[in-house]
Amino acid sequence: MILISTIKERFGKFREITFETAKPLPEITLPFGATLLSQEERKLLLRFDRSLTSASRVTADVMRELEVTDFTLTEPDLSSIIKQIYQGALSQEVSL
């Protein structure tokens, strides 16, 4: 029997981090393994692949460039993981 935690581990490899900054955002260099999802005046939303990097590394890289007042780490919810599986992620992994 496959546990929900196992499914999340295998198919939930992306995380999102939202940073709130003290000052308007300048142009920054994105941390390795991260992509920009959105940027507002004082808010930055990044997505990263946890198989390539860690939340602590992404956070540290951003904090070296910006004065961060708050941040939030978001893990994928079960419904988005199930959607990936129905879109063929399970068969792709089995064929590897």
PDB file of N, CA and C in Angstrom:
ATOM      1  N   MET A   1       0.847  -1.188   0.000  1.00  0.00           N
ATOM      2  CA  MET A   1       0.000   0.000   0.000  1.00  0.00           C
ATOM      3  C   MET A   1       0.889   1.247   0.000  1.00  0.00           C
ATOM      4  N   ILE A   2       0.581   2.169  -0.908  1.00  0.00           N
ATOM      5  CA  ILE A   2       1.354   3.409  -0.999  1.00  0.00           C
ATOM      6  C   ILE A   2       0.739   4.450  -0.061  1.00  0.00           C
ATOM      7  N   LEU A   3       1.546   5.011   0.784  1.00  0.00           N
ATOM      8  CA  LEU A   3       1.091   6.040   1.718  1.00  0.00           C
ATOM      9  C   LEU A   3       1.069   7.400   1.050  1.00  0.00           C
ATOM     10  N   ILE A   4       0.231   8.274   1.542  1.00  0.00           N
ATOM     11  CA  ILE A   4       0.148   9.633   0.998  1.00  0.00           C
ATOM     12  C   ILE A   4       1.496  10.331   1.123  1.00  0.00           C
ATOM     13  N   SER A   5       2.214  10.100   2.203  1.00  0.00           N
ATOM     14  CA  SER A   5       3.533  10.736   2.367  1.00  0.00           C
ATOM     15  C   SER A   5       4.504  10.274   1.279  1.00  0.00           C
ATOM     16  N   THR A   6       4.406   9.006   0.874  1.00  0.00           N
ATOM     17  CA  THR A   6       5.259   8.485  -0.199  1.00  0.00           C
ATOM     18  C   THR A   6       4.908   9.143  -1.526  1.00  0.00           C
ATOM     19  N   ILE A   7       3.634   9.306  -1.792  1.00  0.00           N
ATOM     20  CA  ILE A   7       3.193   9.960  -3.029  1.00  0.00           C
ATOM     21  C   ILE A   7       3.684  11.398  -3.063  1.00  0.00           C
ATOM     22  N   LYS A   8       3.545  12.111  -1.957  1.00  0.00           N
ATOM     23  CA  LYS A   8       4.023  13.496  -1.899  1.00  0.00           C
ATOM     24  C   LYS A   8       5.528  13.566  -2.120  1.00  0.00           C
ATOM     25  N   GLU A   9       6.252  12.629  -1.554  1.00  0.00           N
ATOM     26  CA  GLU A   9       7.713  12.610  -1.694  1.00  0.00           C
ATOM     27  C   GLU A   9       8.123  12.386  -3.143  1.00  0.00           C
ATOM     28  N   ARG A  10       7.463  11.478  -3.824  1.00  0.00           N
ATOM     29  CA  ARG A  10       7.836  11.126  -5.193  1.00  0.00           C
ATOM     30  C   ARG A  10       7.369  12.143  -6.227  1.00  0.00           C
ATOM     31  N   PHE A  11       6.201  12.755  -6.027  1.00  0.00           N
ATOM     32  CA  PHE A  11       5.633  13.612  -7.059  1.00  0.00           C
ATOM     33  C   PHE A  11       5.533  15.077  -6.669  1.00  0.00           C
ATOM     34  N   GLY A  12       5.802  15.414  -5.439  1.00  0.00           N
ATOM     35  CA  GLY A  12       5.699  16.796  -4.990  1.00  0.00           C
ATOM     36  C   GLY A  12       7.055  17.453  -4.876  1.00  0.00           C
ATOM     37  N   LYS A  13       7.836  17.429  -5.937  1.00  0.00           N
ATOM     38  CA  LYS A  13       9.213  17.909  -5.829  1.00  0.00           C
ATOM     39  C   LYS A  13       9.343  19.422  -5.882  1.00  0.00           C
ATOM     40  N   PHE A  14       8.304  20.128  -6.290  1.00  0.00           N
ATOM     41  CA  PHE A  14       8.392  21.584  -6.364  1.00  0.00           C
ATOM     42  C   PHE A  14       7.816  22.233  -5.114  1.00  0.00           C
ATOM     43  N   ARG A  15       8.481  23.271  -4.675  1.00  0.00           N
ATOM     44  CA  ARG A  15       8.028  24.087  -3.550  1.00  0.00           C
ATOM     45  C   ARG A  15       7.968  25.538  -4.020  1.00  0.00           C
ATOM     46  N   GLU A  16       7.202  26.330  -3.311  1.00  0.00           N
ATOM     47  CA  GLU A  16       7.139  27.755  -3.606  1.00  0.00           C
ATOM     48  C   GLU A  16       7.493  28.531  -2.345  1.00  0.00           C
ATOM     49  N   ILE A  17       8.228  29.619  -2.545  1.00  0.00           N
ATOM     50  CA  ILE A  17       8.566  30.507  -1.435  1.00  0.00           C
ATOM     51  C   ILE A  17       8.152  31.917  -1.827  1.00  0.00           C
ATOM     52  N   THR A  18       7.398  32.554  -0.932  1.00  0.00           N
ATOM     53  CA  THR A  18       7.005  33.947  -1.114  1.00  0.00           C
ATOM     54  C   THR A  18       7.825  34.791  -0.145  1.00  0.00           C
ATOM     55  N   PHE A  19       8.491  35.799  -0.678  1.00  0.00           N
ATOM     56  CA  PHE A  19       9.286  36.717   0.133  1.00  0.00           C
ATOM     57  C   PHE A  19       8.619  38.087   0.140  1.00  0.00           C
ATOM     58  N   GLU A  20       8.537  38.699   1.309  1.00  0.00           N
ATOM     59  CA  GLU A  20       8.098  40.085   1.429  1.00  0.00           C
ATOM     60  C   GLU A  20       9.329  40.886   1.823  1.00  0.00           C
ATOM     61  N   THR A  21       9.507  42.033   1.171  1.00  0.00           N
ATOM     62  CA  THR A  21      10.723  42.811   1.381  1.00  0.00           C
ATOM     63  C   THR A  21      10.431  44.172   2.003  1.00  0.00           C
ATOM     64  N   ALA A  22      11.453  44.743   2.617  1.00  0.00           N
ATOM     65  CA  ALA A  22      11.323  46.041   3.265  1.00  0.00           C
ATOM     66  C   ALA A  22      11.255  47.172   2.245  1.00  0.00           C
ATOM     67  N   LYS A  23      11.897  46.981   1.108  1.00  0.00           N
ATOM     68  CA  LYS A  23      11.973  48.020   0.076  1.00  0.00           C
ATOM     69  C   LYS A  23      11.479  47.451  -1.249  1.00  0.00           C
ATOM     70  N   PRO A  24      11.122  48.326  -2.189  1.00  0.00           N
ATOM     71  CA  PRO A  24      10.739  47.833  -3.511  1.00  0.00           C
ATOM     72  C   PRO A  24      11.840  46.950  -4.103  1.00  0.00           C
ATOM     73  N   LEU A  25      11.425  45.951  -4.834  1.00  0.00           N
ATOM     74  CA  LEU A  25      12.363  44.956  -5.354  1.00  0.00           C
ATOM     75  C   LEU A  25      13.209  45.494  -6.498  1.00  0.00           C
ATOM     76  N   PRO A  26      14.523  45.361  -6.365  1.00  0.00           N
ATOM     77  CA  PRO A  26      15.395  45.630  -7.506  1.00  0.00           C
ATOM     78  C   PRO A  26      15.447  44.359  -8.363  1.00  0.00           C
ATOM     79  N   GLU A  27      16.166  44.378  -9.435  1.00  0.00           N
ATOM     80  CA  GLU A  27      16.375  43.161 -10.208  1.00  0.00           C
ATOM     81  C   GLU A  27      17.344  42.280  -9.425  1.00  0.00           C
ATOM     82  N   ILE A  28      17.013  41.006  -9.287  1.00  0.00           N
ATOM     83  CA  ILE A  28      17.890  40.109  -8.532  1.00  0.00           C
ATOM     84  C   ILE A  28      18.296  38.922  -9.401  1.00  0.00           C
ATOM     85  N   THR A  29      19.361  38.291  -8.977  1.00  0.00           N
ATOM     86  CA  THR A  29      19.801  37.050  -9.601  1.00  0.00           C
ATOM     87  C   THR A  29      19.052  35.917  -8.925  1.00  0.00           C
ATOM     88  N   LEU A  30      18.368  35.111  -9.713  1.00  0.00           N
ATOM     89  CA  LEU A  30      17.603  34.011  -9.131  1.00  0.00           C
ATOM     90  C   LEU A  30      18.541  32.927  -8.604  1.00  0.00           C
ATOM     91  N   PRO A  31      18.210  32.365  -7.460  1.00  0.00           N
ATOM     92  CA  PRO A  31      19.019  31.269  -6.921  1.00  0.00           C
ATOM     93  C   PRO A  31      18.985  30.057  -7.860  1.00  0.00           C
ATOM     94  N   PHE A  32      20.026  29.243  -7.817  1.00  0.00           N
ATOM     95  CA  PHE A  32      20.093  28.023  -8.614  1.00  0.00           C
ATOM     96  C   PHE A  32      18.880  27.140  -8.314  1.00  0.00           C
ATOM     97  N   GLY A  33      18.254  26.626  -9.354  1.00  0.00           N
ATOM     98  CA  GLY A  33      17.118  25.723  -9.194  1.00  0.00           C
ATOM     99  C   GLY A  33      15.793  26.415  -8.986  1.00  0.00           C
ATOM    100  N   ALA A  34      15.785  27.752  -8.966  1.00  0.00           N
ATOM    101  CA  ALA A  34      14.550  28.510  -8.728  1.00  0.00           C
ATOM    102  C   ALA A  34      14.099  29.226  -9.992  1.00  0.00           C
ATOM    103  N   THR A  35      12.782  29.371 -10.125  1.00  0.00           N
ATOM    104  CA  THR A  35      12.211  30.148 -11.214  1.00  0.00           C
ATOM    105  C   THR A  35      11.274  31.198 -10.631  1.00  0.00           C
ATOM    106  N   LEU A  36      11.173  32.292 -11.321  1.00  0.00           N
ATOM    107  CA  LEU A  36      10.314  33.393 -10.888  1.00  0.00           C
ATOM    108  C   LEU A  36       8.886  33.119 -11.323  1.00  0.00           C
ATOM    109  N   LEU A  37       7.948  33.114 -10.372  1.00  0.00           N
ATOM    110  CA  LEU A  37       6.536  32.952 -10.692  1.00  0.00           C
ATOM    111  C   LEU A  37       5.828  34.294 -10.769  1.00  0.00           C
ATOM    112  N   SER A  38       6.165  35.199  -9.856  1.00  0.00           N
ATOM    113  CA  SER A  38       5.583  36.544  -9.906  1.00  0.00           C
ATOM    114  C   SER A  38       6.421  37.500  -9.062  1.00  0.00           C
ATOM    115  N   GLN A  39       6.277  38.766  -9.396  1.00  0.00           N
ATOM    116  CA  GLN A  39       7.004  39.806  -8.671  1.00  0.00           C
ATOM    117  C   GLN A  39       6.125  41.042  -8.597  1.00  0.00           C
ATOM    118  N   GLU A  40       5.972  41.575  -7.404  1.00  0.00           N
ATOM    119  CA  GLU A  40       5.252  42.813  -7.177  1.00  0.00           C
ATOM    120  C   GLU A  40       6.243  43.795  -6.566  1.00  0.00           C
ATOM    121  N   GLU A  41       5.754  44.941  -6.158  1.00  0.00           N
ATOM    122  CA  GLU A  41       6.663  45.966  -5.641  1.00  0.00           C
ATOM    123  C   GLU A  41       7.514  45.460  -4.476  1.00  0.00           C
ATOM    124  N   ARG A  42       6.891  44.764  -3.524  1.00  0.00           N
ATOM    125  CA  ARG A  42       7.618  44.267  -2.341  1.00  0.00           C
ATOM    126  C   ARG A  42       7.353  42.790  -2.066  1.00  0.00           C
ATOM    127  N   LYS A  43       7.014  42.059  -3.110  1.00  0.00           N
ATOM    128  CA  LYS A  43       6.699  40.644  -2.950  1.00  0.00           C
ATOM    129  C   LYS A  43       7.297  39.856  -4.114  1.00  0.00           C
ATOM    130  N   LEU A  44       7.919  38.754  -3.778  1.00  0.00           N
ATOM    131  CA  LEU A  44       8.596  37.909  -4.757  1.00  0.00           C
ATOM    132  C   LEU A  44       8.152  36.474  -4.543  1.00  0.00           C
ATOM    133  N   LEU A  45       7.687  35.818  -5.601  1.00  0.00           N
ATOM    134  CA  LEU A  45       7.258  34.428  -5.509  1.00  0.00           C
ATOM    135  C   LEU A  45       8.148  33.574  -6.398  1.00  0.00           C
ATOM    136  N   LEU A  46       8.853  32.623  -5.764  1.00  0.00           N
ATOM    137  CA  LEU A  46       9.759  31.726  -6.473  1.00  0.00           C
ATOM    138  C   LEU A  46       9.285  30.290  -6.330  1.00  0.00           C
ATOM    139  N   ARG A  47       9.579  29.497  -7.345  1.00  0.00           N
ATOM    140  CA  ARG A  47       9.326  28.053  -7.314  1.00  0.00           C
ATOM    141  C   ARG A  47      10.680  27.371  -7.463  1.00  0.00           C
ATOM    142  N   PHE A  48      10.901  26.311  -6.692  1.00  0.00           N
ATOM    143  CA  PHE A  48      12.172  25.602  -6.822  1.00  0.00           C
ATOM    144  C   PHE A  48      11.946  24.103  -6.769  1.00  0.00           C
ATOM    145  N   ASP A  49      12.864  23.398  -7.376  1.00  0.00           N
ATOM    146  CA  ASP A  49      12.850  21.944  -7.430  1.00  0.00           C
ATOM    147  C   ASP A  49      13.694  21.439  -6.268  1.00  0.00           C
ATOM    148  N   ARG A  50      13.079  20.786  -5.317  1.00  0.00           N
ATOM    149  CA  ARG A  50      13.811  20.363  -4.121  1.00  0.00           C
ATOM    150  C   ARG A  50      14.798  19.237  -4.399  1.00  0.00           C
ATOM    151  N   SER A  51      14.749  18.649  -5.604  1.00  0.00           N
ATOM    152  CA  SER A  51      15.763  17.649  -5.944  1.00  0.00           C
ATOM    153  C   SER A  51      17.047  18.328  -6.437  1.00  0.00           C
ATOM    154  N   LEU A  52      16.966  19.631  -6.740  1.00  0.00           N
ATOM    155  CA  LEU A  52      18.132  20.387  -7.198  1.00  0.00           C
ATOM    156  C   LEU A  52      18.720  21.294  -6.123  1.00  0.00           C
ATOM    157  N   THR A  53      17.874  21.767  -5.226  1.00  0.00           N
ATOM    158  CA  THR A  53      18.323  22.707  -4.196  1.00  0.00           C
ATOM    159  C   THR A  53      17.408  22.576  -2.982  1.00  0.00           C
ATOM    160  N   SER A  54      17.707  23.325  -1.950  1.00  0.00           N
ATOM    161  CA  SER A  54      16.897  23.265  -0.726  1.00  0.00           C
ATOM    162  C   SER A  54      16.254  24.615  -0.447  1.00  0.00           C
ATOM    163  N   ALA A  55      15.240  24.585   0.397  1.00  0.00           N
ATOM    164  CA  ALA A  55      14.572  25.821   0.798  1.00  0.00           C
ATOM    165  C   ALA A  55      15.548  26.745   1.513  1.00  0.00           C
ATOM    166  N   SER A  56      16.419  26.175   2.326  1.00  0.00           N
ATOM    167  CA  SER A  56      17.366  27.013   3.061  1.00  0.00           C
ATOM    168  C   SER A  56      18.365  27.690   2.126  1.00  0.00           C
ATOM    169  N   ARG A  57      18.795  26.993   1.076  1.00  0.00           N
ATOM    170  CA  ARG A  57      19.738  27.595   0.117  1.00  0.00           C
ATOM    171  C   ARG A  57      19.060  28.715  -0.678  1.00  0.00           C
ATOM    172  N   VAL A  58      17.827  28.478  -1.145  1.00  0.00           N
ATOM    173  CA  VAL A  58      17.098  29.507  -1.893  1.00  0.00           C
ATOM    174  C   VAL A  58      16.872  30.720  -1.006  1.00  0.00           C
ATOM    175  N   THR A  59      16.450  30.481   0.219  1.00  0.00           N
ATOM    176  CA  THR A  59      16.194  31.574   1.163  1.00  0.00           C
ATOM    177  C   THR A  59      17.469  32.355   1.461  1.00  0.00           C
ATOM    178  N   ALA A  60      18.558  31.659   1.709  1.00  0.00           N
ATOM    179  CA  ALA A  60      19.835  32.323   2.008  1.00  0.00           C
ATOM    180  C   ALA A  60      20.298  33.173   0.824  1.00  0.00           C
ATOM    181  N   ASP A  61      20.168  32.638  -0.400  1.00  0.00           N
ATOM    182  CA  ASP A  61      20.585  33.381  -1.587  1.00  0.00           C
ATOM    183  C   ASP A  61      19.765  34.659  -1.760  1.00  0.00           C
ATOM    184  N   VAL A  62      18.468  34.563  -1.551  1.00  0.00           N
ATOM    185  CA  VAL A  62      17.607  35.752  -1.674  1.00  0.00           C
ATOM    186  C   VAL A  62      17.932  36.751  -0.572  1.00  0.00           C
ATOM    187  N   MET A  63      18.141  36.272   0.650  1.00  0.00           N
ATOM    188  CA  MET A  63      18.410  37.172   1.770  1.00  0.00           C
ATOM    189  C   MET A  63      19.766  37.860   1.664  1.00  0.00           C
ATOM    190  N   ARG A  64      20.674  37.308   0.881  1.00  0.00           N
ATOM    191  CA  ARG A  64      21.946  37.990   0.631  1.00  0.00           C
ATOM    192  C   ARG A  64      21.748  39.212  -0.260  1.00  0.00           C
ATOM    193  N   GLU A  65      20.706  39.186  -1.072  1.00  0.00           N
ATOM    194  CA  GLU A  65      20.471  40.283  -2.015  1.00  0.00           C
ATOM    195  C   GLU A  65      19.407  41.281  -1.553  1.00  0.00           C
ATOM    196  N   LEU A  66      18.469  40.814  -0.744  1.00  0.00           N
ATOM    197  CA  LEU A  66      17.329  41.650  -0.357  1.00  0.00           C
ATOM    198  C   LEU A  66      17.150  41.682   1.156  1.00  0.00           C
ATOM    199  N   GLU A  67      16.539  42.758   1.626  1.00  0.00           N
ATOM    200  CA  GLU A  67      16.145  42.826   3.028  1.00  0.00           C
ATOM    201  C   GLU A  67      14.746  42.224   3.139  1.00  0.00           C
ATOM    202  N   VAL A  68      14.690  40.983   3.582  1.00  0.00           N
ATOM    203  CA  VAL A  68      13.435  40.240   3.660  1.00  0.00           C
ATOM    204  C   VAL A  68      12.801  40.476   5.026  1.00  0.00           C
ATOM    205  N   THR A  69      11.507  40.848   5.012  1.00  0.00           N
ATOM    206  CA  THR A  69      10.793  41.055   6.271  1.00  0.00           C
ATOM    207  C   THR A  69       9.986  39.823   6.675  1.00  0.00           C
ATOM    208  N   ASP A  70       9.626  38.999   5.692  1.00  0.00           N
ATOM    209  CA  ASP A  70       8.872  37.783   5.983  1.00  0.00           C
ATOM    210  C   ASP A  70       8.959  36.854   4.774  1.00  0.00           C
ATOM    211  N   PHE A  71       8.801  35.568   5.020  1.00  0.00           N
ATOM    212  CA  PHE A  71       8.726  34.624   3.908  1.00  0.00           C
ATOM    213  C   PHE A  71       7.850  33.447   4.305  1.00  0.00           C
ATOM    214  N   THR A  72       7.282  32.801   3.286  1.00  0.00           N
ATOM    215  CA  THR A  72       6.400  31.665   3.489  1.00  0.00           C
ATOM    216  C   THR A  72       6.782  30.559   2.522  1.00  0.00           C
ATOM    217  N   LEU A  73       6.942  29.362   3.028  1.00  0.00           N
ATOM    218  CA  LEU A  73       7.245  28.185   2.218  1.00  0.00           C
ATOM    219  C   LEU A  73       5.955  27.398   2.027  1.00  0.00           C
ATOM    220  N   THR A  74       5.646  27.061   0.776  1.00  0.00           N
ATOM    221  CA  THR A  74       4.430  26.322   0.456  1.00  0.00           C
ATOM    222  C   THR A  74       4.776  25.021  -0.240  1.00  0.00           C
ATOM    223  N   GLU A  75       4.225  23.931   0.265  1.00  0.00           N
ATOM    224  CA  GLU A  75       4.403  22.627  -0.364  1.00  0.00           C
ATOM    225  C   GLU A  75       3.194  22.362  -1.247  1.00  0.00           C
ATOM    226  N   PRO A  76       3.361  21.515  -2.266  1.00  0.00           N
ATOM    227  CA  PRO A  76       2.226  21.210  -3.137  1.00  0.00           C
ATOM    228  C   PRO A  76       1.133  20.483  -2.368  1.00  0.00           C
ATOM    229  N   ASP A  77      -0.118  20.785  -2.707  1.00  0.00           N
ATOM    230  CA  ASP A  77      -1.213  20.081  -2.047  1.00  0.00           C
ATOM    231  C   ASP A  77      -1.484  18.757  -2.764  1.00  0.00           C
ATOM    232  N   LEU A  78      -2.184  17.898  -2.101  1.00  0.00           N
ATOM    233  CA  LEU A  78      -2.434  16.560  -2.627  1.00  0.00           C
ATOM    234  C   LEU A  78      -3.193  16.604  -3.954  1.00  0.00           C
ATOM    235  N   SER A  79      -4.097  17.554  -4.126  1.00  0.00           N
ATOM    236  CA  SER A  79      -4.867  17.613  -5.373  1.00  0.00           C
ATOM    237  C   SER A  79      -3.982  17.914  -6.580  1.00  0.00           C
ATOM    238  N   SER A  80      -2.966  18.763  -6.422  1.00  0.00           N
ATOM    239  CA  SER A  80      -2.067  19.038  -7.551  1.00  0.00           C
ATOM    240  C   SER A  80      -1.189  17.836  -7.864  1.00  0.00           C
ATOM    241  N   ILE A  81      -0.837  17.058  -6.849  1.00  0.00           N
ATOM    242  CA  ILE A  81      -0.051  15.847  -7.063  1.00  0.00           C
ATOM    243  C   ILE A  81      -0.894  14.799  -7.798  1.00  0.00           C
ATOM    244  N   ILE A  82      -2.148  14.638  -7.397  1.00  0.00           N
ATOM    245  CA  ILE A  82      -3.037  13.691  -8.062  1.00  0.00           C
ATOM    246  C   ILE A  82      -3.232  14.094  -9.527  1.00  0.00           C
ATOM    247  N   LYS A  83      -3.330  15.388  -9.768  1.00  0.00           N
ATOM    248  CA  LYS A  83      -3.455  15.878 -11.143  1.00  0.00           C
ATOM    249  C   LYS A  83      -2.232  15.474 -11.970  1.00  0.00           C
ATOM    250  N   GLN A  84      -1.028  15.613 -11.398  1.00  0.00           N
ATOM    251  CA  GLN A  84       0.195  15.184 -12.084  1.00  0.00           C
ATOM    252  C   GLN A  84       0.157  13.699 -12.415  1.00  0.00           C
ATOM    253  N   ILE A  85      -0.308  12.905 -11.480  1.00  0.00           N
ATOM    254  CA  ILE A  85      -0.364  11.453 -11.683  1.00  0.00           C
ATOM    255  C   ILE A  85      -1.338  11.130 -12.815  1.00  0.00           C
ATOM    256  N   TYR A  86      -2.497  11.761 -12.812  1.00  0.00           N
ATOM    257  CA  TYR A  86      -3.469  11.522 -13.876  1.00  0.00           C
ATOM    258  C   TYR A  86      -2.975  12.029 -15.232  1.00  0.00           C
ATOM    259  N   GLN A  87      -2.075  12.995 -15.230  1.00  0.00           N
ATOM    260  CA  GLN A  87      -1.526  13.508 -16.486  1.00  0.00           C
ATOM    261  C   GLN A  87      -0.337  12.682 -16.965  1.00  0.00           C
ATOM    262  N   GLY A  88      -0.074  11.570 -16.308  1.00  0.00           N
ATOM    263  CA  GLY A  88       0.939  10.658 -16.804  1.00  0.00           C
ATOM    264  C   GLY A  88       2.233  10.602 -16.025  1.00  0.00           C
ATOM    265  N   ALA A  89       2.352  11.303 -14.926  1.00  0.00           N
ATOM    266  CA  ALA A  89       3.606  11.302 -14.169  1.00  0.00           C
ATOM    267  C   ALA A  89       3.961   9.925 -13.650  1.00  0.00           C
ATOM    268  N   LEU A  90       2.975   9.156 -13.241  1.00  0.00           N
ATOM    269  CA  LEU A  90       3.240   7.820 -12.708  1.00  0.00           C
ATOM    270  C   LEU A  90       3.796   6.904 -13.791  1.00  0.00           C
ATOM    271  N   SER A  91       3.199   6.912 -14.990  1.00  0.00           N
ATOM    272  CA  SER A  91       3.684   6.041 -16.068  1.00  0.00           C
ATOM    273  C   SER A  91       5.067   6.484 -16.552  1.00  0.00           C
ATOM    274  N   GLN A  92       5.349   7.792 -16.511  1.00  0.00           N
ATOM    275  CA  GLN A  92       6.678   8.281 -16.900  1.00  0.00           C
ATOM    276  C   GLN A  92       7.731   7.783 -15.917  1.00  0.00           C
ATOM    277  N   GLU A  93       7.408   7.794 -14.633  1.00  0.00           N
ATOM    278  CA  GLU A  93       8.362   7.358 -13.624  1.00  0.00           C
ATOM    279  C   GLU A  93       8.587   5.861 -13.705  1.00  0.00           C
ATOM    280  N   VAL A  94       7.559   5.084 -13.973  1.00  0.00           N
ATOM    281  CA  VAL A  94       7.688   3.634 -14.055  1.00  0.00           C
ATOM    282  C   VAL A  94       8.563   3.237 -15.247  1.00  0.00           C
ATOM    283  N   SER A  95       8.468   3.984 -16.347  1.00  0.00           N
ATOM    284  CA  SER A  95       9.225   3.629 -17.543  1.00  0.00           C
ATOM    285  C   SER A  95      10.686   4.025 -17.457  1.00  0.00           C
ATOM    286  N   LEU A  96      11.080   4.809 -16.441  1.00  0.00           N
ATOM    287  CA  LEU A  96      12.481   5.219 -16.304  1.00  0.00           C
ATOM    288  C   LEU A  96      13.383   4.135 -15.871  1.00  0.00           C
TER     289      LEU A  96
END
